[in-house]
Structures are given as C-alpha cells and as structure tokens.
Amino acid sequence: QVQLVESGGGLVQAGGSLRLSCAASVSIWTFNDMGWYRQAPGKQHELVVQVTYGGTITTADSVKGRFTISRDNGKNTVDLQMNGLKPEDTAVYYCRARGRMDYWGQGTQVTVSS
C-alpha cells in the first residue's frame, strides 16, 4: 500500500521560509508525477507545484519565484522549499502522487502571520 507522509509545516512570519517534505513508501519513480497542492479555508484545492517523471515542472503563478520543488531519489522524498511566504499562502498543504492510482498525503498546516 502506497503511503505519502508530509512534514515540515508550521507557523512563520511573513517573509519567512519553510521546507515541506513528502516521504513516499515506495520509489518516487513509481509515479508519473508528484506535486504539492494546498487548500485554504473556504477554497478549493489548488496546484502549487508539480514535477513529472521526466522532470517537467509546473508552478502556480501565485508562487513562481518563491517556491521550488526538488526530488531526493535516495530518500524517496519530494520537497517543497517555500521562501518569501505571504499570509495568503496559509493553507493545508498536501502531497499528491499519480501513477496507477491517485495518492494523497494527510496534509500539513502552514500558517503565515502578517
């Protein structure tokens, strides 16, 4: 059974940084793509940043230049480095992996204070 476990969320002041990590229970090369999504209160899930098996990265306009995604093959993790955080980045952040099935982590809260 595939599991995705996120870590690294927390409370940070505006302008600060956080690094989220998503650990997969299987090789990350199992998946066609992996990415980070977020859901703010009262809003729908939205894509933050995604990387495909081949390395193509898709980044939401709202976080371009501030957030980057990276993969660690040895650790089977996909990380999200978030710099220049803004209060509007406050949300629950979810790791998603798509392959034969669609897998989601349990989410980690990110709160940015002004």
PDB file of N, CA and C in Angstrom:
ATOM      1  N   GLN A   1       0.840  -1.183   0.000  1.00  0.00           N
ATOM      2  CA  GLN A   1       0.000   0.000   0.000  1.00  0.00           C
ATOM      3  C   GLN A   1       0.881   1.241   0.000  1.00  0.00           C
ATOM      4  N   VAL A   2       0.621   2.141  -0.918  1.00  0.00           N
ATOM      5  CA  VAL A   2       1.410   3.360  -1.031  1.00  0.00           C
ATOM      6  C   VAL A   2       0.978   4.357   0.035  1.00  0.00           C
ATOM      7  N   GLN A   3       1.959   4.927   0.705  1.00  0.00           N
ATOM      8  CA  GLN A   3       1.683   5.979   1.676  1.00  0.00           C
ATOM      9  C   GLN A   3       2.557   7.184   1.383  1.00  0.00           C
ATOM     10  N   LEU A   4       1.979   8.354   1.585  1.00  0.00           N
ATOM     11  CA  LEU A   4       2.695   9.616   1.467  1.00  0.00           C
ATOM     12  C   LEU A   4       2.578  10.321   2.813  1.00  0.00           C
ATOM     13  N   VAL A   5       3.699  10.720   3.366  1.00  0.00           N
ATOM     14  CA  VAL A   5       3.697  11.370   4.671  1.00  0.00           C
ATOM     15  C   VAL A   5       4.393  12.717   4.555  1.00  0.00           C
ATOM     16  N   GLU A   6       3.640  13.783   4.847  1.00  0.00           N
ATOM     17  CA  GLU A   6       4.198  15.133   4.784  1.00  0.00           C
ATOM     18  C   GLU A   6       4.747  15.537   6.148  1.00  0.00           C
ATOM     19  N   SER A   7       5.718  16.419   6.116  1.00  0.00           N
ATOM     20  CA  SER A   7       6.256  17.013   7.337  1.00  0.00           C
ATOM     21  C   SER A   7       6.793  18.391   7.012  1.00  0.00           C
ATOM     22  N   GLY A   8       7.002  19.181   8.066  1.00  0.00           N
ATOM     23  CA  GLY A   8       7.656  20.468   7.886  1.00  0.00           C
ATOM     24  C   GLY A   8       6.761  21.687   7.979  1.00  0.00           C
ATOM     25  N   GLY A   9       5.471  21.502   8.149  1.00  0.00           N
ATOM     26  CA  GLY A   9       4.599  22.658   8.272  1.00  0.00           C
ATOM     27  C   GLY A   9       4.794  23.367   9.593  1.00  0.00           C
ATOM     28  N   GLY A  10       4.121  24.507   9.728  1.00  0.00           N
ATOM     29  CA  GLY A  10       4.222  25.252  10.970  1.00  0.00           C
ATOM     30  C   GLY A  10       3.787  26.680  10.810  1.00  0.00           C
ATOM     31  N   LEU A  11       4.155  27.483  11.800  1.00  0.00           N
ATOM     32  CA  LEU A  11       3.816  28.901  11.823  1.00  0.00           C
ATOM     33  C   LEU A  11       5.057  29.714  11.526  1.00  0.00           C
ATOM     34  N   VAL A  12       4.921  30.674  10.614  1.00  0.00           N
ATOM     35  CA  VAL A  12       6.058  31.501  10.238  1.00  0.00           C
ATOM     36  C   VAL A  12       5.558  32.912   9.967  1.00  0.00           C
ATOM     37  N   GLN A  13       6.415  33.893  10.169  1.00  0.00           N
ATOM     38  CA  GLN A  13       6.050  35.268   9.864  1.00  0.00           C
ATOM     39  C   GLN A  13       6.179  35.542   8.370  1.00  0.00           C
ATOM     40  N   ALA A  14       5.431  36.512   7.919  1.00  0.00           N
ATOM     41  CA  ALA A  14       5.513  36.901   6.514  1.00  0.00           C
ATOM     42  C   ALA A  14       6.959  37.231   6.144  1.00  0.00           C
ATOM     43  N   GLY A  15       7.356  36.745   4.968  1.00  0.00           N
ATOM     44  CA  GLY A  15       8.725  36.926   4.514  1.00  0.00           C
ATOM     45  C   GLY A  15       9.645  35.773   4.880  1.00  0.00           C
ATOM     46  N   GLY A  16       9.177  34.895   5.733  1.00  0.00           N
ATOM     47  CA  GLY A  16       9.979  33.770   6.178  1.00  0.00           C
ATOM     48  C   GLY A  16       9.951  32.599   5.213  1.00  0.00           C
ATOM     49  N   SER A  17      10.597  31.513   5.639  1.00  0.00           N
ATOM     50  CA  SER A  17      10.723  30.322   4.800  1.00  0.00           C
ATOM     51  C   SER A  17      10.327  29.077   5.573  1.00  0.00           C
ATOM     52  N   LEU A  18       9.852  28.105   4.819  1.00  0.00           N
ATOM     53  CA  LEU A  18       9.598  26.768   5.346  1.00  0.00           C
ATOM     54  C   LEU A  18       9.952  25.760   4.269  1.00  0.00           C
ATOM     55  N   ARG A  19      10.290  24.570   4.714  1.00  0.00           N
ATOM     56  CA  ARG A  19      10.557  23.481   3.774  1.00  0.00           C
ATOM     57  C   ARG A  19       9.661  22.316   4.152  1.00  0.00           C
ATOM     58  N   LEU A  20       8.833  21.898   3.213  1.00  0.00           N
ATOM     59  CA  LEU A  20       7.973  20.744   3.409  1.00  0.00           C
ATOM     60  C   LEU A  20       8.605  19.536   2.745  1.00  0.00           C
ATOM     61  N   SER A  21       8.391  18.377   3.342  1.00  0.00           N
ATOM     62  CA  SER A  21       8.916  17.151   2.772  1.00  0.00           C
ATOM     63  C   SER A  21       7.806  16.121   2.671  1.00  0.00           C
ATOM     64  N   CYS A  22       7.798  15.380   1.587  1.00  0.00           N
ATOM     65  CA  CYS A  22       6.828  14.310   1.367  1.00  0.00           C
ATOM     66  C   CYS A  22       7.614  13.017   1.181  1.00  0.00           C
ATOM     67  N   ALA A  23       7.431  12.105   2.110  1.00  0.00           N
ATOM     68  CA  ALA A  23       8.125  10.822   2.050  1.00  0.00           C
ATOM     69  C   ALA A  23       7.178   9.751   1.516  1.00  0.00           C
ATOM     70  N   ALA A  24       7.601   9.081   0.462  1.00  0.00           N
ATOM     71  CA  ALA A  24       6.798   8.018  -0.138  1.00  0.00           C
ATOM     72  C   ALA A  24       7.261   6.652   0.370  1.00  0.00           C
ATOM     73  N   SER A  25       6.326   5.741   0.493  1.00  0.00           N
ATOM     74  CA  SER A  25       6.652   4.396   0.987  1.00  0.00           C
ATOM     75  C   SER A  25       7.208   3.491  -0.115  1.00  0.00           C
ATOM     76  N   VAL A  26       7.206   4.006  -1.346  1.00  0.00           N
ATOM     77  CA  VAL A  26       7.778   3.287  -2.478  1.00  0.00           C
ATOM     78  C   VAL A  26       8.688   4.247  -3.240  1.00  0.00           C
ATOM     79  N   SER A  27       9.394   3.725  -4.229  1.00  0.00           N
ATOM     80  CA  SER A  27      10.260   4.581  -5.028  1.00  0.00           C
ATOM     81  C   SER A  27       9.435   5.680  -5.707  1.00  0.00           C
ATOM     82  N   ILE A  28       9.948   6.902  -5.674  1.00  0.00           N
ATOM     83  CA  ILE A  28       9.232   8.009  -6.321  1.00  0.00           C
ATOM     84  C   ILE A  28       9.172   7.842  -7.828  1.00  0.00           C
ATOM     85  N   TRP A  29      10.006   6.966  -8.376  1.00  0.00           N
ATOM     86  CA  TRP A  29       9.977   6.721  -9.808  1.00  0.00           C
ATOM     87  C   TRP A  29       8.808   5.827 -10.196  1.00  0.00           C
ATOM     88  N   THR A  30       8.059   5.389  -9.202  1.00  0.00           N
ATOM     89  CA  THR A  30       6.831   4.617  -9.441  1.00  0.00           C
ATOM     90  C   THR A  30       5.761   5.494 -10.075  1.00  0.00           C
ATOM     91  N   PHE A  31       5.866   6.788  -9.819  1.00  0.00           N
ATOM     92  CA  PHE A  31       4.772   7.701 -10.166  1.00  0.00           C
ATOM     93  C   PHE A  31       5.023   8.464 -11.463  1.00  0.00           C
ATOM     94  N   ASN A  32       3.948   8.784 -12.150  1.00  0.00           N
ATOM     95  CA  ASN A  32       4.034   9.618 -13.348  1.00  0.00           C
ATOM     96  C   ASN A  32       4.349  11.066 -12.974  1.00  0.00           C
ATOM     97  N   ASP A  33       3.803  11.506 -11.860  1.00  0.00           N
ATOM     98  CA  ASP A  33       4.125  12.827 -11.375  1.00  0.00           C
ATOM     99  C   ASP A  33       3.872  12.912  -9.879  1.00  0.00           C
ATOM    100  N   MET A  34       4.514  13.859  -9.244  1.00  0.00           N
ATOM    101  CA  MET A  34       4.307  14.146  -7.830  1.00  0.00           C
ATOM    102  C   MET A  34       4.235  15.654  -7.680  1.00  0.00           C
ATOM    103  N   GLY A  35       3.480  16.073  -6.684  1.00  0.00           N
ATOM    104  CA  GLY A  35       3.361  17.512  -6.520  1.00  0.00           C
ATOM    105  C   GLY A  35       2.777  17.895  -5.182  1.00  0.00           C
ATOM    106  N   TRP A  36       2.697  19.184  -5.016  1.00  0.00           N
ATOM    107  CA  TRP A  36       2.144  19.777  -3.817  1.00  0.00           C
ATOM    108  C   TRP A  36       0.904  20.584  -4.190  1.00  0.00           C
ATOM    109  N   TYR A  37      -0.127  20.384  -3.420  1.00  0.00           N
ATOM    110  CA  TYR A  37      -1.379  21.115  -3.553  1.00  0.00           C
ATOM    111  C   TYR A  37      -1.673  21.767  -2.208  1.00  0.00           C
ATOM    112  N   ARG A  38      -2.575  22.727  -2.229  1.00  0.00           N
ATOM    113  CA  ARG A  38      -2.965  23.357  -0.971  1.00  0.00           C
ATOM    114  C   ARG A  38      -4.445  23.690  -0.985  1.00  0.00           C
ATOM    115  N   GLN A  39      -4.980  23.783   0.220  1.00  0.00           N
ATOM    116  CA  GLN A  39      -6.379  24.157   0.373  1.00  0.00           C
ATOM    117  C   GLN A  39      -6.486  25.132   1.528  1.00  0.00           C
ATOM    118  N   ALA A  40      -6.876  26.349   1.193  1.00  0.00           N
ATOM    119  CA  ALA A  40      -7.109  27.379   2.205  1.00  0.00           C
ATOM    120  C   ALA A  40      -8.560  27.274   2.674  1.00  0.00           C
ATOM    121  N   PRO A  41      -8.865  27.802   3.859  1.00  0.00           N
ATOM    122  CA  PRO A  41     -10.239  27.744   4.369  1.00  0.00           C
ATOM    123  C   PRO A  41     -11.242  28.343   3.387  1.00  0.00           C
ATOM    124  N   GLY A  42     -12.284  27.597   3.086  1.00  0.00           N
ATOM    125  CA  GLY A  42     -13.323  28.081   2.193  1.00  0.00           C
ATOM    126  C   GLY A  42     -12.978  28.057   0.722  1.00  0.00           C
ATOM    127  N   LYS A  43     -11.809  27.499   0.390  1.00  0.00           N
ATOM    128  CA  LYS A  43     -11.394  27.458  -1.015  1.00  0.00           C
ATOM    129  C   LYS A  43     -11.168  26.027  -1.468  1.00  0.00           C
ATOM    130  N   GLN A  44     -11.071  25.855  -2.775  1.00  0.00           N
ATOM    131  CA  GLN A  44     -10.832  24.526  -3.330  1.00  0.00           C
ATOM    132  C   GLN A  44      -9.341  24.211  -3.329  1.00  0.00           C
ATOM    133  N   HIS A  45      -9.066  22.924  -3.488  1.00  0.00           N
ATOM    134  CA  HIS A  45      -7.679  22.510  -3.671  1.00  0.00           C
ATOM    135  C   HIS A  45      -7.107  23.240  -4.890  1.00  0.00           C
ATOM    136  N   GLU A  46      -5.849  23.622  -4.782  1.00  0.00           N
ATOM    137  CA  GLU A  46      -5.183  24.203  -5.946  1.00  0.00           C
ATOM    138  C   GLU A  46      -3.768  23.649  -6.048  1.00  0.00           C
ATOM    139  N   LEU A  47      -3.328  23.520  -7.294  1.00  0.00           N
ATOM    140  CA  LEU A  47      -1.965  23.084  -7.539  1.00  0.00           C
ATOM    141  C   LEU A  47      -0.992  24.174  -7.106  1.00  0.00           C
ATOM    142  N   VAL A  48       0.053  23.760  -6.408  1.00  0.00           N
ATOM    143  CA  VAL A  48       1.136  24.683  -6.051  1.00  0.00           C
ATOM    144  C   VAL A  48       2.307  24.471  -7.007  1.00  0.00           C
ATOM    145  N   VAL A  49       2.827  23.268  -7.016  1.00  0.00           N
ATOM    146  CA  VAL A  49       3.920  22.937  -7.927  1.00  0.00           C
ATOM    147  C   VAL A  49       3.954  21.434  -8.111  1.00  0.00           C
ATOM    148  N   GLN A  50       4.295  21.004  -9.327  1.00  0.00           N
ATOM    149  CA  GLN A  50       4.281  19.593  -9.678  1.00  0.00           C
ATOM    150  C   GLN A  50       5.494  19.277 -10.538  1.00  0.00           C
ATOM    151  N   VAL A  51       6.023  18.072 -10.394  1.00  0.00           N
ATOM    152  CA  VAL A  51       7.123  17.609 -11.244  1.00  0.00           C
ATOM    153  C   VAL A  51       6.741  16.262 -11.837  1.00  0.00           C
ATOM    154  N   THR A  52       6.941  16.103 -13.128  1.00  0.00           N
ATOM    155  CA  THR A  52       6.622  14.846 -13.783  1.00  0.00           C
ATOM    156  C   THR A  52       7.798  13.887 -13.697  1.00  0.00           C
ATOM    157  N   TYR A  53       7.549  12.658 -14.085  1.00  0.00           N
ATOM    158  CA  TYR A  53       8.596  11.638 -14.109  1.00  0.00           C
ATOM    159  C   TYR A  53       9.796  12.131 -14.922  1.00  0.00           C
ATOM    160  N   GLY A  54       9.505  12.809 -16.024  1.00  0.00           N
ATOM    161  CA  GLY A  54      10.578  13.282 -16.906  1.00  0.00           C
ATOM    162  C   GLY A  54      11.230  14.572 -16.446  1.00  0.00           C
ATOM    163  N   GLY A  55      10.710  15.161 -15.374  1.00  0.00           N
ATOM    164  CA  GLY A  55      11.349  16.367 -14.844  1.00  0.00           C
ATOM    165  C   GLY A  55      10.679  17.677 -15.216  1.00  0.00           C
ATOM    166  N   THR A  56       9.550  17.617 -15.912  1.00  0.00           N
ATOM    167  CA  THR A  56       8.842  18.856 -16.243  1.00  0.00           C
ATOM    168  C   THR A  56       8.142  19.397 -15.001  1.00  0.00           C
ATOM    169  N   ILE A  57       8.373  20.677 -14.747  1.00  0.00           N
ATOM    170  CA  ILE A  57       7.817  21.306 -13.544  1.00  0.00           C
ATOM    171  C   ILE A  57       6.732  22.303 -13.926  1.00  0.00           C
ATOM    172  N   THR A  58       5.623  22.231 -13.231  1.00  0.00           N
ATOM    173  CA  THR A  58       4.524  23.176 -13.384  1.00  0.00           C
ATOM    174  C   THR A  58       4.345  23.902 -12.058  1.00  0.00           C
ATOM    175  N   THR A  59       4.376  25.231 -12.114  1.00  0.00           N
ATOM    176  CA  THR A  59       4.302  26.043 -10.902  1.00  0.00           C
ATOM    177  C   THR A  59       3.150  27.038 -11.021  1.00  0.00           C
ATOM    178  N   ALA A  60       2.371  27.155  -9.952  1.00  0.00           N
ATOM    179  CA  ALA A  60       1.293  28.126  -9.944  1.00  0.00           C
ATOM    180  C   ALA A  60       1.858  29.540 -10.031  1.00  0.00           C
ATOM    181  N   ASP A  61       1.169  30.406 -10.760  1.00  0.00           N
ATOM    182  CA  ASP A  61       1.636  31.786 -10.920  1.00  0.00           C
ATOM    183  C   ASP A  61       1.814  32.476  -9.572  1.00  0.00           C
ATOM    184  N   SER A  62       0.960  32.144  -8.630  1.00  0.00           N
ATOM    185  CA  SER A  62       0.977  32.826  -7.333  1.00  0.00           C
ATOM    186  C   SER A  62       2.230  32.544  -6.521  1.00  0.00           C
ATOM    187  N   VAL A  63       2.970  31.493  -6.864  1.00  0.00           N
ATOM    188  CA  VAL A  63       4.154  31.139  -6.077  1.00  0.00           C
ATOM    189  C   VAL A  63       5.431  31.136  -6.910  1.00  0.00           C
ATOM    190  N   LYS A  64       5.339  31.471  -8.184  1.00  0.00           N
ATOM    191  CA  LYS A  64       6.533  31.481  -9.035  1.00  0.00           C
ATOM    192  C   LYS A  64       7.568  32.435  -8.472  1.00  0.00           C
ATOM    193  N   GLY A  65       8.807  31.966  -8.492  1.00  0.00           N
ATOM    194  CA  GLY A  65       9.897  32.775  -7.980  1.00  0.00           C
ATOM    195  C   GLY A  65      10.075  32.674  -6.478  1.00  0.00           C
ATOM    196  N   ARG A  66       9.136  32.012  -5.813  1.00  0.00           N
ATOM    197  CA  ARG A  66       9.225  31.875  -4.349  1.00  0.00           C
ATOM    198  C   ARG A  66       9.301  30.410  -3.905  1.00  0.00           C
ATOM    199  N   PHE A  67       8.594  29.537  -4.595  1.00  0.00           N
ATOM    200  CA  PHE A  67       8.535  28.127  -4.205  1.00  0.00           C
ATOM    201  C   PHE A  67       9.260  27.277  -5.236  1.00  0.00           C
ATOM    202  N   THR A  68       9.989  26.272  -4.774  1.00  0.00           N
ATOM    203  CA  THR A  68      10.645  25.334  -5.677  1.00  0.00           C
ATOM    204  C   THR A  68      10.443  23.906  -5.172  1.00  0.00           C
ATOM    205  N   ILE A  69      10.397  22.981  -6.119  1.00  0.00           N
ATOM    206  CA  ILE A  69      10.223  21.571  -5.804  1.00  0.00           C
ATOM    207  C   ILE A  69      11.506  20.832  -6.132  1.00  0.00           C
ATOM    208  N   SER A  70      11.812  19.813  -5.338  1.00  0.00           N
ATOM    209  CA  SER A  70      13.003  19.019  -5.587  1.00  0.00           C
ATOM    210  C   SER A  70      12.741  17.574  -5.187  1.00  0.00           C
ATOM    211  N   ARG A  71      13.516  16.678  -5.786  1.00  0.00           N
ATOM    212  CA  ARG A  71      13.370  15.242  -5.514  1.00  0.00           C
ATOM    213  C   ARG A  71      14.667  14.692  -4.949  1.00  0.00           C
ATOM    214  N   ASP A  72      14.539  13.782  -4.017  1.00  0.00           N
ATOM    215  CA  ASP A  72      15.696  13.063  -3.480  1.00  0.00           C
ATOM    216  C   ASP A  72      15.439  11.584  -3.721  1.00  0.00           C
ATOM    217  N   ASN A  73      16.115  11.050  -4.729  1.00  0.00           N
ATOM    218  CA  ASN A  73      15.863   9.662  -5.113  1.00  0.00           C
ATOM    219  C   ASN A  73      16.241   8.683  -4.011  1.00  0.00           C
ATOM    220  N   GLY A  74      17.310   8.975  -3.313  1.00  0.00           N
ATOM    221  CA  GLY A  74      17.782   8.065  -2.279  1.00  0.00           C
ATOM    222  C   GLY A  74      16.833   7.964  -1.108  1.00  0.00           C
ATOM    223  N   LYS A  75      16.180   9.062  -0.788  1.00  0.00           N
ATOM    224  CA  LYS A  75      15.271   9.100   0.350  1.00  0.00           C
ATOM    225  C   LYS A  75      13.816   8.908  -0.056  1.00  0.00           C
ATOM    226  N   ASN A  76      13.558   8.848  -1.345  1.00  0.00           N
ATOM    227  CA  ASN A  76      12.171   8.758  -1.841  1.00  0.00           C
ATOM    228  C   ASN A  76      11.320   9.901  -1.312  1.00  0.00           C
ATOM    229  N   THR A  77      11.861  11.105  -1.408  1.00  0.00           N
ATOM    230  CA  THR A  77      11.133  12.281  -0.938  1.00  0.00           C
ATOM    231  C   THR A  77      11.027  13.331  -2.040  1.00  0.00           C
ATOM    232  N   VAL A  78       9.985  14.116  -1.923  1.00  0.00           N
ATOM    233  CA  VAL A  78       9.805  15.286  -2.769  1.00  0.00           C
ATOM    234  C   VAL A  78       9.583  16.463  -1.830  1.00  0.00           C
ATOM    235  N   ASP A  79      10.444  17.449  -1.945  1.00  0.00           N
ATOM    236  CA  ASP A  79      10.403  18.577  -1.026  1.00  0.00           C
ATOM    237  C   ASP A  79       9.873  19.834  -1.700  1.00  0.00           C
ATOM    238  N   LEU A  80       9.302  20.694  -0.888  1.00  0.00           N
ATOM    239  CA  LEU A  80       8.834  21.997  -1.351  1.00  0.00           C
ATOM    240  C   LEU A  80       9.508  23.067  -0.517  1.00  0.00           C
ATOM    241  N   GLN A  81      10.386  23.824  -1.134  1.00  0.00           N
ATOM    242  CA  GLN A  81      11.042  24.942  -0.468  1.00  0.00           C
ATOM    243  C   GLN A  81      10.210  26.188  -0.695  1.00  0.00           C
ATOM    244  N   MET A  82       9.779  26.803   0.382  1.00  0.00           N
ATOM    245  CA  MET A  82       8.917  27.979   0.287  1.00  0.00           C
ATOM    246  C   MET A  82       9.637  29.175   0.893  1.00  0.00           C
ATOM    247  N   ASN A  83       9.921  30.154   0.075  1.00  0.00           N
ATOM    248  CA  ASN A  83      10.570  31.384   0.517  1.00  0.00           C
ATOM    249  C   ASN A  83       9.628  32.567   0.303  1.00  0.00           C
ATOM    250  N   GLY A  84       9.901  33.637   0.989  1.00  0.00           N
ATOM    251  CA  GLY A  84       9.076  34.830   0.820  1.00  0.00           C
ATOM    252  C   GLY A  84       7.615  34.588   1.088  1.00  0.00           C
ATOM    253  N   LEU A  85       7.338  33.858   2.166  1.00  0.00           N
ATOM    254  CA  LEU A  85       5.953  33.469   2.447  1.00  0.00           C
ATOM    255  C   LEU A  85       5.078  34.676   2.735  1.00  0.00           C
ATOM    256  N   LYS A  86       3.833  34.569   2.291  1.00  0.00           N
ATOM    257  CA  LYS A  86       2.846  35.625   2.458  1.00  0.00           C
ATOM    258  C   LYS A  86       1.645  35.080   3.241  1.00  0.00           C
ATOM    259  N   PRO A  87       0.893  35.942   3.903  1.00  0.00           N
ATOM    260  CA  PRO A  87      -0.291  35.457   4.631  1.00  0.00           C
ATOM    261  C   PRO A  87      -1.242  34.663   3.741  1.00  0.00           C
ATOM    262  N   GLU A  88      -1.330  35.021   2.476  1.00  0.00           N
ATOM    263  CA  GLU A  88      -2.231  34.296   1.561  1.00  0.00           C
ATOM    264  C   GLU A  88      -1.727  32.904   1.209  1.00  0.00           C
ATOM    265  N   ASP A  89      -0.529  32.554   1.645  1.00  0.00           N
ATOM    266  CA  ASP A  89      -0.029  31.183   1.469  1.00  0.00           C
ATOM    267  C   ASP A  89      -0.542  30.250   2.573  1.00  0.00           C
ATOM    268  N   THR A  90      -1.211  30.806   3.558  1.00  0.00           N
ATOM    269  CA  THR A  90      -1.749  29.998   4.643  1.00  0.00           C
ATOM    270  C   THR A  90      -2.743  28.984   4.105  1.00  0.00           C
ATOM    271  N   ALA A  91      -2.508  27.715   4.407  1.00  0.00           N
ATOM    272  CA  ALA A  91      -3.346  26.638   3.892  1.00  0.00           C
ATOM    273  C   ALA A  91      -2.853  25.313   4.472  1.00  0.00           C
ATOM    274  N   VAL A  92      -3.635  24.278   4.221  1.00  0.00           N
ATOM    275  CA  VAL A  92      -3.145  22.920   4.443  1.00  0.00           C
ATOM    276  C   VAL A  92      -2.502  22.465   3.139  1.00  0.00           C
ATOM    277  N   TYR A  93      -1.276  22.010   3.224  1.00  0.00           N
ATOM    278  CA  TYR A  93      -0.525  21.589   2.045  1.00  0.00           C
ATOM    279  C   TYR A  93      -0.516  20.064   1.978  1.00  0.00           C
ATOM    280  N   TYR A  94      -0.824  19.568   0.790  1.00  0.00           N
ATOM    281  CA  TYR A  94      -0.931  18.124   0.572  1.00  0.00           C
ATOM    282  C   TYR A  94       0.063  17.675  -0.497  1.00  0.00           C
ATOM    283  N   CYS A  95       0.639  16.539  -0.251  1.00  0.00           N
ATOM    284  CA  CYS A  95       1.458  15.881  -1.261  1.00  0.00           C
ATOM    285  C   CYS A  95       0.555  14.956  -2.077  1.00  0.00           C
ATOM    286  N   ARG A  96       0.774  14.934  -3.369  1.00  0.00           N
ATOM    287  CA  ARG A  96      -0.019  14.081  -4.269  1.00  0.00           C
ATOM    288  C   ARG A  96       0.931  13.352  -5.198  1.00  0.00           C
ATOM    289  N   ALA A  97       0.628  12.086  -5.441  1.00  0.00           N
ATOM    290  CA  ALA A  97       1.401  11.281  -6.375  1.00  0.00           C
ATOM    291  C   ALA A  97       0.436  10.522  -7.273  1.00  0.00           C
ATOM    292  N   ARG A  98       0.692  10.581  -8.564  1.00  0.00           N
ATOM    293  CA  ARG A  98      -0.188   9.904  -9.516  1.00  0.00           C
ATOM    294  C   ARG A  98       0.593   8.871 -10.300  1.00  0.00           C
ATOM    295  N   GLY A  99       0.037   7.683 -10.316  1.00  0.00           N
ATOM    296  CA  GLY A  99       0.608   6.593 -11.078  1.00  0.00           C
ATOM    297  C   GLY A  99      -0.530   5.722 -11.551  1.00  0.00           C
ATOM    298  N   ARG A 100      -0.503   4.454 -11.143  1.00  0.00           N
ATOM    299  CA  ARG A 100      -1.632   3.595 -11.444  1.00  0.00           C
ATOM    300  C   ARG A 100      -2.873   4.064 -10.704  1.00  0.00           C
ATOM    301  N   MET A 101      -2.644   4.709  -9.565  1.00  0.00           N
ATOM    302  CA  MET A 101      -3.725   5.299  -8.781  1.00  0.00           C
ATOM    303  C   MET A 101      -3.307   6.707  -8.362  1.00  0.00           C
ATOM    304  N   ASP A 102      -4.243   7.369  -7.726  1.00  0.00           N
ATOM    305  CA  ASP A 102      -4.034   8.737  -7.278  1.00  0.00           C
ATOM    306  C   ASP A 102      -3.891   8.701  -5.756  1.00  0.00           C
ATOM    307  N   TYR A 103      -2.733   9.135  -5.266  1.00  0.00           N
ATOM    308  CA  TYR A 103      -2.451   9.052  -3.839  1.00  0.00           C
ATOM    309  C   TYR A 103      -2.290  10.450  -3.253  1.00  0.00           C
ATOM    310  N   TRP A 104      -2.775  10.609  -2.024  1.00  0.00           N
ATOM    311  CA  TRP A 104      -2.663  11.879  -1.304  1.00  0.00           C
ATOM    312  C   TRP A 104      -2.119  11.621   0.098  1.00  0.00           C
ATOM    313  N   GLY A 105      -1.333  12.577   0.589  1.00  0.00           N
ATOM    314  CA  GLY A 105      -0.917  12.551   1.976  1.00  0.00           C
ATOM    315  C   GLY A 105      -1.998  13.117   2.866  1.00  0.00           C
ATOM    316  N   GLN A 106      -1.709  13.147   4.153  1.00  0.00           N
ATOM    317  CA  GLN A 106      -2.713  13.583   5.124  1.00  0.00           C
ATOM    318  C   GLN A 106      -2.751  15.106   5.270  1.00  0.00           C
ATOM    319  N   GLY A 107      -1.762  15.782   4.765  1.00  0.00           N
ATOM    320  CA  GLY A 107      -1.729  17.235   4.820  1.00  0.00           C
ATOM    321  C   GLY A 107      -0.931  17.764   5.990  1.00  0.00           C
ATOM    322  N   THR A 108      -0.363  18.948   5.804  1.00  0.00           N
ATOM    323  CA  THR A 108       0.366  19.624   6.862  1.00  0.00           C
ATOM    324  C   THR A 108       0.004  21.108   6.825  1.00  0.00           C
ATOM    325  N   GLN A 109      -0.247  21.672   7.989  1.00  0.00           N
ATOM    326  CA  GLN A 109      -0.708  23.051   8.075  1.00  0.00           C
ATOM    327  C   GLN A 109       0.455  24.022   7.960  1.00  0.00           C
ATOM    328  N   VAL A 110       0.273  25.013   7.117  1.00  0.00           N
ATOM    329  CA  VAL A 110       1.212  26.129   7.015  1.00  0.00           C
ATOM    330  C   VAL A 110       0.436  27.409   7.334  1.00  0.00           C
ATOM    331  N   THR A 111       0.902  28.140   8.320  1.00  0.00           N
ATOM    332  CA  THR A 111       0.263  29.386   8.714  1.00  0.00           C
ATOM    333  C   THR A 111       1.283  30.509   8.650  1.00  0.00           C
ATOM    334  N   VAL A 112       0.965  31.547   7.897  1.00  0.00           N
ATOM    335  CA  VAL A 112       1.854  32.690   7.735  1.00  0.00           C
ATOM    336  C   VAL A 112       1.193  33.899   8.382  1.00  0.00           C
ATOM    337  N   SER A 113       1.841  34.440   9.377  1.00  0.00           N
ATOM    338  CA  SER A 113       1.293  35.593  10.081  1.00  0.00           C
ATOM    339  C   SER A 113       1.827  36.893   9.470  1.00  0.00           C
ATOM    340  N   SER A 114       1.003  37.923   9.530  1.00  0.00           N
ATOM    341  CA  SER A 114       1.401  39.209   8.940  1.00  0.00           C
ATOM    342  C   SER A 114       2.135  40.075   9.938  1.00  0.00           C
TER     343      SER A 114
END
